[in-house]
C-alpha atoms as a PDB file:
ATOM      1  CA  MET A   1      -3.300 -19.689   6.604  1.00  0.00           C
ATOM      2  CA  LYS A   2      -1.709 -21.873   9.174  1.00  0.00           C
ATOM      3  CA  ASN A   3      -0.695 -19.854  12.260  1.00  0.00           C
ATOM      4  CA  SER A   4       2.464 -22.085  12.418  1.00  0.00           C
ATOM      5  CA  THR A   5       3.862 -20.595   9.246  1.00  0.00           C
ATOM      6  CA  THR A   6       6.535 -18.139  10.156  1.00  0.00           C
ATOM      7  CA  ILE A   7       6.702 -14.932   8.050  1.00  0.00           C
ATOM      8  CA  GLY A   8       9.872 -12.683   7.970  1.00  0.00           C
ATOM      9  CA  PHE A   9       9.918  -9.232   6.490  1.00  0.00           C
ATOM     10  CA  ILE A  10      13.038  -7.689   5.142  1.00  0.00           C
ATOM     11  CA  GLY A  11      12.437  -4.022   5.490  1.00  0.00           C
ATOM     12  CA  ALA A  12      10.183  -2.350   8.108  1.00  0.00           C
ATOM     13  CA  GLY A  13       8.819   0.488   6.138  1.00  0.00           C
ATOM     14  CA  ASN A  14       5.097   1.519   5.534  1.00  0.00           C
ATOM     15  CA  MET A  15       3.998  -1.552   3.307  1.00  0.00           C
ATOM     16  CA  ALA A  16       5.510  -3.968   5.745  1.00  0.00           C
ATOM     17  CA  TYR A  17       3.790  -2.138   8.497  1.00  0.00           C
ATOM     18  CA  ALA A  18       0.488  -2.399   6.619  1.00  0.00           C
ATOM     19  CA  ILE A  19       0.809  -6.137   5.793  1.00  0.00           C
ATOM     20  CA  ILE A  20       1.812  -6.972   9.492  1.00  0.00           C
ATOM     21  CA  SER A  21      -1.214  -4.986  10.867  1.00  0.00           C
ATOM     22  CA  GLY A  22      -3.423  -6.816   8.447  1.00  0.00           C
ATOM     23  CA  LEU A  23      -2.069 -10.253   9.411  1.00  0.00           C
ATOM     24  CA  ILE A  24      -2.459  -9.662  13.159  1.00  0.00           C
ATOM     25  CA  ASN A  25      -5.875  -8.110  12.681  1.00  0.00           C
ATOM     26  CA  ASN A  26      -6.743 -11.271  10.838  1.00  0.00           C
ATOM     27  CA  ASP A  27      -5.772 -13.401  13.926  1.00  0.00           C
ATOM     28  CA  PHE A  28      -2.287 -14.312  12.679  1.00  0.00           C
ATOM     29  CA  SER A  29       0.008 -14.649  15.644  1.00  0.00           C
ATOM     30  CA  ALA A  30       2.635 -11.911  16.094  1.00  0.00           C
ATOM     31  CA  GLU A  31       4.892 -14.707  17.579  1.00  0.00           C
ATOM     32  CA  ASN A  32       5.280 -16.046  13.922  1.00  0.00           C
ATOM     33  CA  ILE A  33       6.128 -12.711  12.444  1.00  0.00           C
ATOM     34  CA  LYS A  34       9.695 -11.553  12.303  1.00  0.00           C
ATOM     35  CA  ILE A  35      11.281  -8.356  10.825  1.00  0.00           C
ATOM     36  CA  SER A  36      14.722  -7.034   9.925  1.00  0.00           C
ATOM     37  CA  ASP A  37      15.933  -3.659   8.977  1.00  0.00           C
ATOM     38  CA  THR A  38      19.169  -1.641   9.096  1.00  0.00           C
ATOM     39  CA  ASN A  39      17.253   1.154  10.724  1.00  0.00           C
ATOM     40  CA  GLU A  40      17.394   0.211  14.370  1.00  0.00           C
ATOM     41  CA  SER A  41      15.068   2.993  15.506  1.00  0.00           C
ATOM     42  CA  LEU A  42      12.457   1.833  13.055  1.00  0.00           C
ATOM     43  CA  LEU A  43      12.999  -1.756  14.234  1.00  0.00           C
ATOM     44  CA  SER A  44      12.433  -0.560  17.791  1.00  0.00           C
ATOM     45  CA  LEU A  45       9.266   1.060  16.852  1.00  0.00           C
ATOM     46  CA  ARG A  46       7.848  -1.984  15.143  1.00  0.00           C
ATOM     47  CA  LYS A  47       8.724  -4.109  18.098  1.00  0.00           C
ATOM     48  CA  LYS A  48       6.816  -1.837  20.294  1.00  0.00           C
ATOM     49  CA  GLU A  49       3.946  -1.608  18.096  1.00  0.00           C
ATOM     50  CA  PHE A  50       3.553  -5.443  17.357  1.00  0.00           C
ATOM     51  CA  ASN A  51       5.746  -7.153  19.974  1.00  0.00           C
ATOM     52  CA  LEU A  52       7.719  -8.775  17.148  1.00  0.00           C
ATOM     53  CA  GLU A  53      11.056 -10.540  17.236  1.00  0.00           C
ATOM     54  CA  VAL A  54      13.491  -8.160  15.284  1.00  0.00           C
ATOM     55  CA  PHE A  55      16.856  -8.791  13.588  1.00  0.00           C
ATOM     56  CA  THR A  56      19.499  -6.514  12.038  1.00  0.00           C
ATOM     57  CA  ASP A  57      20.945  -9.524  10.128  1.00  0.00           C
ATOM     58  CA  ASN A  58      18.769 -10.579   7.172  1.00  0.00           C
ATOM     59  CA  SER A  59      20.411 -13.911   6.887  1.00  0.00           C
ATOM     60  CA  GLU A  60      19.671 -14.734  10.490  1.00  0.00           C
ATOM     61  CA  LEU A  61      16.124 -13.686   9.877  1.00  0.00           C
ATOM     62  CA  VAL A  62      15.732 -15.955   6.843  1.00  0.00           C
ATOM     63  CA  ARG A  63      16.901 -18.967   8.802  1.00  0.00           C
ATOM     64  CA  HIS A  64      13.941 -18.728  11.061  1.00  0.00           C
ATOM     65  CA  CYS A  65      11.138 -18.343   8.359  1.00  0.00           C
ATOM     66  CA  ASP A  66       8.960 -20.242   6.040  1.00  0.00           C
ATOM     67  CA  VAL A  67       8.038 -17.075   3.995  1.00  0.00           C
ATOM     68  CA  ILE A  68      10.279 -14.035   3.292  1.00  0.00           C
ATOM     69  CA  VAL A  69       8.717 -10.766   2.267  1.00  0.00           C
ATOM     70  CA  LEU A  70      11.092  -8.507   0.443  1.00  0.00           C
ATOM     71  CA  ALA A  71       9.906  -4.992   1.391  1.00  0.00           C
ATOM     72  CA  VAL A  72      12.995  -3.005   0.561  1.00  0.00           C
ATOM     73  CA  LYS A  73      13.373  -0.223  -2.061  1.00  0.00           C
ATOM     74  CA  PRO A  74      13.771  -1.635  -5.646  1.00  0.00           C
ATOM     75  CA  GLN A  75      17.324  -0.063  -5.890  1.00  0.00           C
ATOM     76  CA  MET A  76      18.380  -2.039  -2.796  1.00  0.00           C
ATOM     77  CA  LEU A  77      16.899  -5.426  -3.891  1.00  0.00           C
ATOM     78  CA  SER A  78      19.960  -6.797  -5.721  1.00  0.00           C
ATOM     79  CA  SER A  79      22.386  -6.342  -2.884  1.00  0.00           C
ATOM     80  CA  VAL A  80      19.930  -7.690  -0.256  1.00  0.00           C
ATOM     81  CA  CYS A  81      19.065 -10.736  -2.245  1.00  0.00           C
ATOM     82  CA  GLN A  82      22.699 -11.612  -3.034  1.00  0.00           C
ATOM     83  CA  LEU A  83      23.637 -11.622   0.614  1.00  0.00           C
ATOM     84  CA  LEU A  84      20.804 -14.093   1.298  1.00  0.00           C
ATOM     85  CA  LYS A  85      21.828 -16.924  -0.985  1.00  0.00           C
ATOM     86  CA  GLN A  86      23.576 -19.138   1.620  1.00  0.00           C
ATOM     87  CA  ALA A  87      20.784 -18.788   4.220  1.00  0.00           C
ATOM     88  CA  LEU A  88      17.874 -19.770   1.973  1.00  0.00           C
ATOM     89  CA  ASN A  89      16.544 -23.244   1.741  1.00  0.00           C
ATOM     90  CA  SER A  90      14.642 -24.834  -1.164  1.00  0.00           C
ATOM     91  CA  ASN A  91      11.264 -24.571   0.569  1.00  0.00           C
ATOM     92  CA  THR A  92      11.372 -20.953   1.335  1.00  0.00           C
ATOM     93  CA  LEU A  93       8.668 -18.809  -0.357  1.00  0.00           C
ATOM     94  CA  ILE A  94       9.834 -15.455  -1.487  1.00  0.00           C
ATOM     95  CA  ILE A  95       7.319 -12.650  -1.827  1.00  0.00           C
ATOM     96  CA  SER A  96       8.546  -9.413  -3.336  1.00  0.00           C
ATOM     97  CA  ILE A  97       6.727  -6.172  -2.887  1.00  0.00           C
ATOM     98  CA  ALA A  98       9.470  -4.151  -4.495  1.00  0.00           C
ATOM     99  CA  ALA A  99       8.018  -2.334  -7.563  1.00  0.00           C
ATOM    100  CA  GLY A 100       9.267  -2.997 -10.959  1.00  0.00           C
ATOM    101  CA  VAL A 101      11.800  -5.784 -10.190  1.00  0.00           C
ATOM    102  CA  ARG A 102      11.272  -8.902 -12.383  1.00  0.00           C
ATOM    103  CA  VAL A 103      11.041 -12.330 -10.992  1.00  0.00           C
ATOM    104  CA  HIS A 104      14.065 -13.463 -13.248  1.00  0.00           C
ATOM    105  CA  ASP A 105      16.256 -10.975 -11.676  1.00  0.00           C
ATOM    106  CA  ILE A 106      15.213 -11.729  -8.124  1.00  0.00           C
ATOM    107  CA  ASP A 107      15.756 -15.491  -8.775  1.00  0.00           C
ATOM    108  CA  ARG A 108      19.207 -14.751 -10.272  1.00  0.00           C
ATOM    109  CA  TRP A 109      20.237 -12.610  -7.418  1.00  0.00           C
ATOM    110  CA  LEU A 110      19.115 -15.282  -4.931  1.00  0.00           C
ATOM    111  CA  GLY A 111      21.211 -17.984  -6.682  1.00  0.00           C
ATOM    112  CA  GLY A 112      18.341 -19.557  -8.756  1.00  0.00           C
ATOM    113  CA  ASP A 113      15.521 -22.135  -8.419  1.00  0.00           C
ATOM    114  CA  CYS A 114      13.566 -20.173  -5.818  1.00  0.00           C
ATOM    115  CA  ALA A 115       9.846 -20.048  -5.396  1.00  0.00           C
ATOM    116  CA  ILE A 116       9.037 -16.369  -6.030  1.00  0.00           C
ATOM    117  CA  VAL A 117       5.908 -14.389  -6.037  1.00  0.00           C
ATOM    118  CA  ARG A 118       6.067 -10.798  -7.371  1.00  0.00           C
ATOM    119  CA  THR A 119       3.454  -8.509  -6.261  1.00  0.00           C
ATOM    120  CA  MET A 120       2.167  -4.976  -6.958  1.00  0.00           C
ATOM    121  CA  PRO A 121       0.174  -3.709  -4.001  1.00  0.00           C
ATOM    122  CA  ASN A 122      -0.975  -0.154  -3.710  1.00  0.00           C
ATOM    123  CA  THR A 123      -1.039   2.438  -0.925  1.00  0.00           C
ATOM    124  CA  PRO A 124      -4.716   2.063   0.261  1.00  0.00           C
ATOM    125  CA  ALA A 125      -3.351  -1.147   1.827  1.00  0.00           C
ATOM    126  CA  LEU A 126      -2.414   1.117   4.768  1.00  0.00           C
ATOM    127  CA  LEU A 127      -6.170   1.255   5.306  1.00  0.00           C
ATOM    128  CA  ASN A 128      -6.911  -2.459   4.595  1.00  0.00           C
ATOM    129  CA  GLN A 129      -8.433  -1.209   1.321  1.00  0.00           C
ATOM    130  CA  GLY A 130      -5.628  -2.156  -1.073  1.00  0.00           C
ATOM    131  CA  VAL A 131      -5.561  -4.162  -4.271  1.00  0.00           C
ATOM    132  CA  THR A 132      -2.607  -6.399  -5.171  1.00  0.00           C
ATOM    133  CA  GLY A 133      -1.608  -7.848  -8.508  1.00  0.00           C
ATOM    134  CA  MET A 134       0.397 -11.055  -8.168  1.00  0.00           C
ATOM    135  CA  PHE A 135       2.614 -13.217 -10.477  1.00  0.00           C
ATOM    136  CA  ALA A 136       4.140 -16.542  -9.570  1.00  0.00           C
ATOM    137  CA  ASN A 137       7.139 -18.297 -11.108  1.00  0.00           C
ATOM    138  CA  GLU A 138       7.039 -22.042 -12.101  1.00  0.00           C
ATOM    139  CA  ARG A 139       8.636 -23.021  -8.706  1.00  0.00           C
ATOM    140  CA  VAL A 140       5.693 -21.839  -6.702  1.00  0.00           C
ATOM    141  CA  SER A 141       3.305 -24.581  -5.707  1.00  0.00           C
ATOM    142  CA  SER A 142      -0.555 -24.340  -5.431  1.00  0.00           C
ATOM    143  CA  ALA A 143      -0.264 -24.317  -1.672  1.00  0.00           C
ATOM    144  CA  GLN A 144       2.266 -21.469  -1.704  1.00  0.00           C
ATOM    145  CA  LYS A 145      -0.055 -19.508  -4.151  1.00  0.00           C
ATOM    146  CA  GLU A 146      -2.863 -19.888  -1.508  1.00  0.00           C
ATOM    147  CA  LEU A 147      -0.522 -18.748   1.274  1.00  0.00           C
ATOM    148  CA  ALA A 148       0.684 -15.646  -0.724  1.00  0.00           C
ATOM    149  CA  THR A 149      -3.076 -14.876  -1.469  1.00  0.00           C
ATOM    150  CA  SER A 150      -3.951 -15.080   2.233  1.00  0.00           C
ATOM    151  CA  ILE A 151      -1.114 -12.893   3.266  1.00  0.00           C
ATOM    152  CA  LEU A 152      -1.885 -10.106   0.650  1.00  0.00           C
ATOM    153  CA  ASN A 153      -5.649 -10.405   1.257  1.00  0.00           C
ATOM    154  CA  SER A 154      -5.003  -9.222   4.892  1.00  0.00           C
ATOM    155  CA  VAL A 155      -4.652  -5.726   3.434  1.00  0.00           C
ATOM    156  CA  GLY A 156      -7.529  -5.808   0.880  1.00  0.00           C
ATOM    157  CA  GLN A 157      -8.145  -7.863  -2.389  1.00  0.00           C
ATOM    158  CA  SER A 158      -5.614  -9.616  -4.625  1.00  0.00           C
ATOM    159  CA  LEU A 159      -5.707 -11.079  -8.100  1.00  0.00           C
ATOM    160  CA  TRP A 160      -3.183 -13.350 -10.104  1.00  0.00           C
ATOM    161  CA  VAL A 161      -1.901 -12.659 -13.610  1.00  0.00           C
ATOM    162  CA  THR A 162      -0.443 -15.298 -15.696  1.00  0.00           C
ATOM    163  CA  ASP A 163       1.882 -13.113 -17.701  1.00  0.00           C
ATOM    164  CA  GLU A 164       4.509 -11.103 -15.718  1.00  0.00           C
ATOM    165  CA  VAL A 165       4.247  -8.154 -18.069  1.00  0.00           C
ATOM    166  CA  MET A 166       0.613  -7.695 -16.938  1.00  0.00           C
ATOM    167  CA  LEU A 167       2.037  -6.416 -13.704  1.00  0.00           C
ATOM    168  CA  ASP A 168       3.228  -3.314 -15.618  1.00  0.00           C
ATOM    169  CA  ALA A 169      -0.484  -2.821 -16.581  1.00  0.00           C
ATOM    170  CA  VAL A 170      -1.441  -3.403 -12.873  1.00  0.00           C
ATOM    171  CA  THR A 171       1.145  -0.808 -11.918  1.00  0.00           C
ATOM    172  CA  ALA A 172      -0.258   1.668 -14.464  1.00  0.00           C
ATOM    173  CA  LEU A 173      -3.766   1.094 -13.189  1.00  0.00           C
ATOM    174  CA  SER A 174      -3.894   0.302  -9.454  1.00  0.00           C
ATOM    175  CA  GLY A 175      -0.416   0.882  -8.401  1.00  0.00           C
ATOM    176  CA  SER A 176      -0.252   4.499  -9.541  1.00  0.00           C
ATOM    177  CA  GLY A 177      -4.037   4.899  -9.593  1.00  0.00           C
ATOM    178  CA  PRO A 178      -4.564   6.414  -6.106  1.00  0.00           C
ATOM    179  CA  ALA A 179      -2.437   9.355  -7.416  1.00  0.00           C
ATOM    180  CA  TYR A 180      -4.864   9.867 -10.316  1.00  0.00           C
ATOM    181  CA  PHE A 181      -7.818  10.106  -7.920  1.00  0.00           C
ATOM    182  CA  PHE A 182      -5.877  12.407  -5.594  1.00  0.00           C
ATOM    183  CA  LEU A 183      -5.317  14.569  -8.733  1.00  0.00           C
ATOM    184  CA  MET A 184      -9.054  14.613  -9.488  1.00  0.00           C
ATOM    185  CA  ILE A 185      -9.805  15.525  -5.920  1.00  0.00           C
ATOM    186  CA  GLU A 186      -7.259  18.348  -6.109  1.00  0.00           C
ATOM    187  CA  SER A 187      -8.622  19.591  -9.330  1.00  0.00           C
ATOM    188  CA  MET A 188     -12.267  19.555  -8.262  1.00  0.00           C
ATOM    189  CA  SER A 189     -11.370  21.339  -5.114  1.00  0.00           C
ATOM    190  CA  LYS A 190      -9.594  24.062  -6.995  1.00  0.00           C
ATOM    191  CA  ALA A 191     -12.555  24.441  -9.368  1.00  0.00           C
ATOM    192  CA  GLY A 192     -14.887  24.543  -6.357  1.00  0.00           C
ATOM    193  CA  VAL A 193     -12.810  27.506  -4.959  1.00  0.00           C
ATOM    194  CA  ALA A 194     -12.926  29.300  -8.268  1.00  0.00           C
ATOM    195  CA  LEU A 195     -16.761  28.926  -8.170  1.00  0.00           C
ATOM    196  CA  GLY A 196     -16.856  30.734  -4.888  1.00  0.00           C
ATOM    197  CA  LEU A 197     -16.605  27.852  -2.287  1.00  0.00           C
ATOM    198  CA  ASP A 198     -13.984  28.271   0.592  1.00  0.00           C
ATOM    199  CA  GLU A 199     -11.089  25.927   0.295  1.00  0.00           C
ATOM    200  CA  LYS A 200     -12.048  23.633   3.255  1.00  0.00           C
ATOM    201  CA  THR A 201     -15.611  23.146   1.936  1.00  0.00           C
ATOM    202  CA  ALA A 202     -14.437  22.520  -1.500  1.00  0.00           C
ATOM    203  CA  GLN A 203     -12.001  19.831  -0.332  1.00  0.00           C
ATOM    204  CA  LEU A 204     -14.669  18.148   1.914  1.00  0.00           C
ATOM    205  CA  LEU A 205     -17.154  17.988  -0.836  1.00  0.00           C
ATOM    206  CA  SER A 206     -14.566  16.551  -3.324  1.00  0.00           C
ATOM    207  CA  ILE A 207     -13.271  13.803  -0.986  1.00  0.00           C
ATOM    208  CA  GLN A 208     -16.666  12.711   0.297  1.00  0.00           C
ATOM    209  CA  THR A 209     -18.049  12.645  -3.274  1.00  0.00           C
ATOM    210  CA  ALA A 210     -15.074  10.534  -4.373  1.00  0.00           C
ATOM    211  CA  LEU A 211     -15.547   8.143  -1.387  1.00  0.00           C
ATOM    212  CA  GLY A 212     -19.337   7.888  -1.894  1.00  0.00           C
ATOM    213  CA  ALA A 213     -19.033   7.289  -5.751  1.00  0.00           C
ATOM    214  CA  SER A 214     -16.377   4.560  -5.145  1.00  0.00           C
ATOM    215  CA  MET A 215     -18.498   2.889  -2.564  1.00  0.00           C
ATOM    216  CA  MET A 216     -21.568   2.953  -4.823  1.00  0.00           C
ATOM    217  CA  ALA A 217     -19.478   1.371  -7.632  1.00  0.00           C
ATOM    218  CA  SER A 218     -18.122  -1.319  -5.327  1.00  0.00           C
ATOM    219  CA  VAL A 219     -21.578  -2.518  -4.128  1.00  0.00           C
ATOM    220  CA  SER A 220     -23.600  -2.125  -7.182  1.00  0.00           C
ATOM    221  CA  ASP A 221     -24.451  -4.741  -9.760  1.00  0.00           C
ATOM    222  CA  GLU A 222     -24.484  -2.028 -12.516  1.00  0.00           C
ATOM    223  CA  SER A 223     -21.340  -1.034 -14.425  1.00  0.00           C
ATOM    224  CA  PRO A 224     -19.563   2.232 -13.834  1.00  0.00           C
ATOM    225  CA  ARG A 225     -20.995   3.403 -17.235  1.00  0.00           C
ATOM    226  CA  ASP A 226     -24.499   2.498 -16.195  1.00  0.00           C
ATOM    227  CA  LEU A 227     -24.064   4.219 -12.852  1.00  0.00           C
ATOM    228  CA  ARG A 228     -22.827   7.444 -14.608  1.00  0.00           C
ATOM    229  CA  ALA A 229     -25.897   7.354 -16.953  1.00  0.00           C
ATOM    230  CA  ASN A 230     -28.181   6.968 -14.020  1.00  0.00           C
ATOM    231  CA  VAL A 231     -27.102  10.369 -12.574  1.00  0.00           C
ATOM    232  CA  THR A 232     -26.944  12.109 -15.926  1.00  0.00           C
ATOM    233  CA  SER A 233     -30.275  13.733 -16.550  1.00  0.00           C
ATOM    234  CA  PRO A 234     -30.857  14.826 -20.147  1.00  0.00           C
ATOM    235  CA  ASN A 235     -30.074  18.566 -20.554  1.00  0.00           C
ATOM    236  CA  GLY A 236     -29.051  18.797 -16.792  1.00  0.00           C
ATOM    237  CA  THR A 237     -26.027  19.919 -15.117  1.00  0.00           C
ATOM    238  CA  THR A 238     -24.181  16.559 -15.063  1.00  0.00           C
ATOM    239  CA  GLN A 239     -24.739  16.205 -18.765  1.00  0.00           C
ATOM    240  CA  ALA A 240     -23.164  19.643 -19.329  1.00  0.00           C
ATOM    241  CA  ALA A 241     -20.052  18.679 -17.403  1.00  0.00           C
ATOM    242  CA  ILE A 242     -19.730  15.124 -18.930  1.00  0.00           C
ATOM    243  CA  GLU A 243     -19.956  16.700 -22.396  1.00  0.00           C
ATOM    244  CA  SER A 244     -17.164  19.151 -21.455  1.00  0.00           C
ATOM    245  CA  PHE A 245     -15.080  16.223 -20.417  1.00  0.00           C
ATOM    246  CA  GLN A 246     -15.824  14.314 -23.669  1.00  0.00           C
ATOM    247  CA  ASP A 247     -15.000  17.516 -25.806  1.00  0.00           C
ATOM    248  CA  GLN A 248     -11.628  17.383 -24.225  1.00  0.00           C
ATOM    249  CA  ASP A 249     -11.384  13.639 -25.047  1.00  0.00           C
ATOM    250  CA  PHE A 250     -11.137  12.595 -21.428  1.00  0.00           C
ATOM    251  CA  ASP A 251     -10.955   8.898 -22.308  1.00  0.00           C
ATOM    252  CA  MET A 252      -7.871   9.538 -24.411  1.00  0.00           C
ATOM    253  CA  ILE A 253      -6.293  11.628 -21.736  1.00  0.00           C
ATOM    254  CA  VAL A 254      -6.570   8.712 -19.284  1.00  0.00           C
ATOM    255  CA  ALA A 255      -5.482   6.191 -21.834  1.00  0.00           C
ATOM    256  CA  HIS A 256      -2.348   8.229 -22.644  1.00  0.00           C
ATOM    257  CA  ALA A 257      -1.497   8.671 -18.910  1.00  0.00           C
ATOM    258  CA  MET A 258      -1.851   5.062 -18.119  1.00  0.00           C
ATOM    259  CA  ARG A 259       0.240   4.080 -21.276  1.00  0.00           C
ATOM    260  CA  ALA A 260       2.959   6.432 -19.962  1.00  0.00           C
ATOM    261  CA  ALA A 261       2.927   4.724 -16.552  1.00  0.00           C
ATOM    262  CA  PHE A 262       3.014   1.228 -18.275  1.00  0.00           C
ATOM    263  CA  ASP A 263       5.973   2.167 -20.422  1.00  0.00           C
ATOM    264  CA  ARG A 264       7.916   3.680 -17.602  1.00  0.00           C
ATOM    265  CA  ALA A 265       7.307   0.566 -15.375  1.00  0.00           C
ATOM    266  CA  SER A 266       8.803  -1.594 -18.187  1.00  0.00           C
ATOM    267  CA  GLN A 267      11.691   0.879 -18.615  1.00  0.00           C
ATOM    268  CA  LEU A 268      12.462   0.892 -14.809  1.00  0.00           C
ATOM    269  CA  ALA A 269      12.450  -2.930 -14.699  1.00  0.00           C
ATOM    270  CA  ALA A 270      15.020  -3.087 -17.584  1.00  0.00           C
ATOM    271  CA  GLU A 271      17.120  -0.243 -15.893  1.00  0.00           C
ATOM    272  CA  LEU A 272      17.120  -2.296 -12.434  1.00  0.00           C
ATOM    273  CA  SER A 273      17.945  -5.507 -14.295  1.00  0.00           C
ATOM    274  CA  ASP A 274      21.017  -3.908 -15.919  1.00  0.00           C
ATOM    275  CA  SER A 275      22.184  -2.085 -12.776  1.00  0.00           C
ATOM    276  CA  ASP A 276      23.544  -5.125 -10.830  1.00  0.00           C
END
């Protein structure tokens, strides 16, 4: 990414904080990052943390930037975008991290014919361990796609989908996914306490086991299925546990949960589209 590119963030919340931190940690100049928010105390905090130029007027911010990252709550995006119409120029790249808001609606609110990348990051981005799904409309050039990739890769990994509906699948898997693992850690910790461990020990064992297993899966050439088989000795303790999971149709439980998240993501997108 060229350090001469100027990136503006509308919204100064946690995800904006994560991306700005990632950019600066990857040697992108803070001088070329600008941010706006209606919360002046939050703006003051970000200015202190990163030494950024801050704005309370979104339109004024837009006039100074090549890339605009929309980092506001989905319910606010319509009103935010409609106030930006006159300030945008045709070369501005718009990156939305607002969950569930379709590219068509963002483009419509901005006045049409905008280059828009819609993204679905997840909360581990706060630790530079995120994964982001991305979709670009037809106005986004190859160079702009590379730019968007470099911005989101500053907080982890990213991937492109060619069909926007697949962002609902990304939402169901990685967007909501951290909560599934937190639930597993919570449940394992409770089970450990029921087996006689104290709460602190059970939680530590659960968290470190989840971390270690994830790290093994990320560096191994073997599939998660093979890794599971490797630690499942015939007639051993792990096999007994796995068989109990399978008796409860664990695969179907996960599939039903992710389908519910997928369907809700589609429903929310429709609701947000109809609300303006």
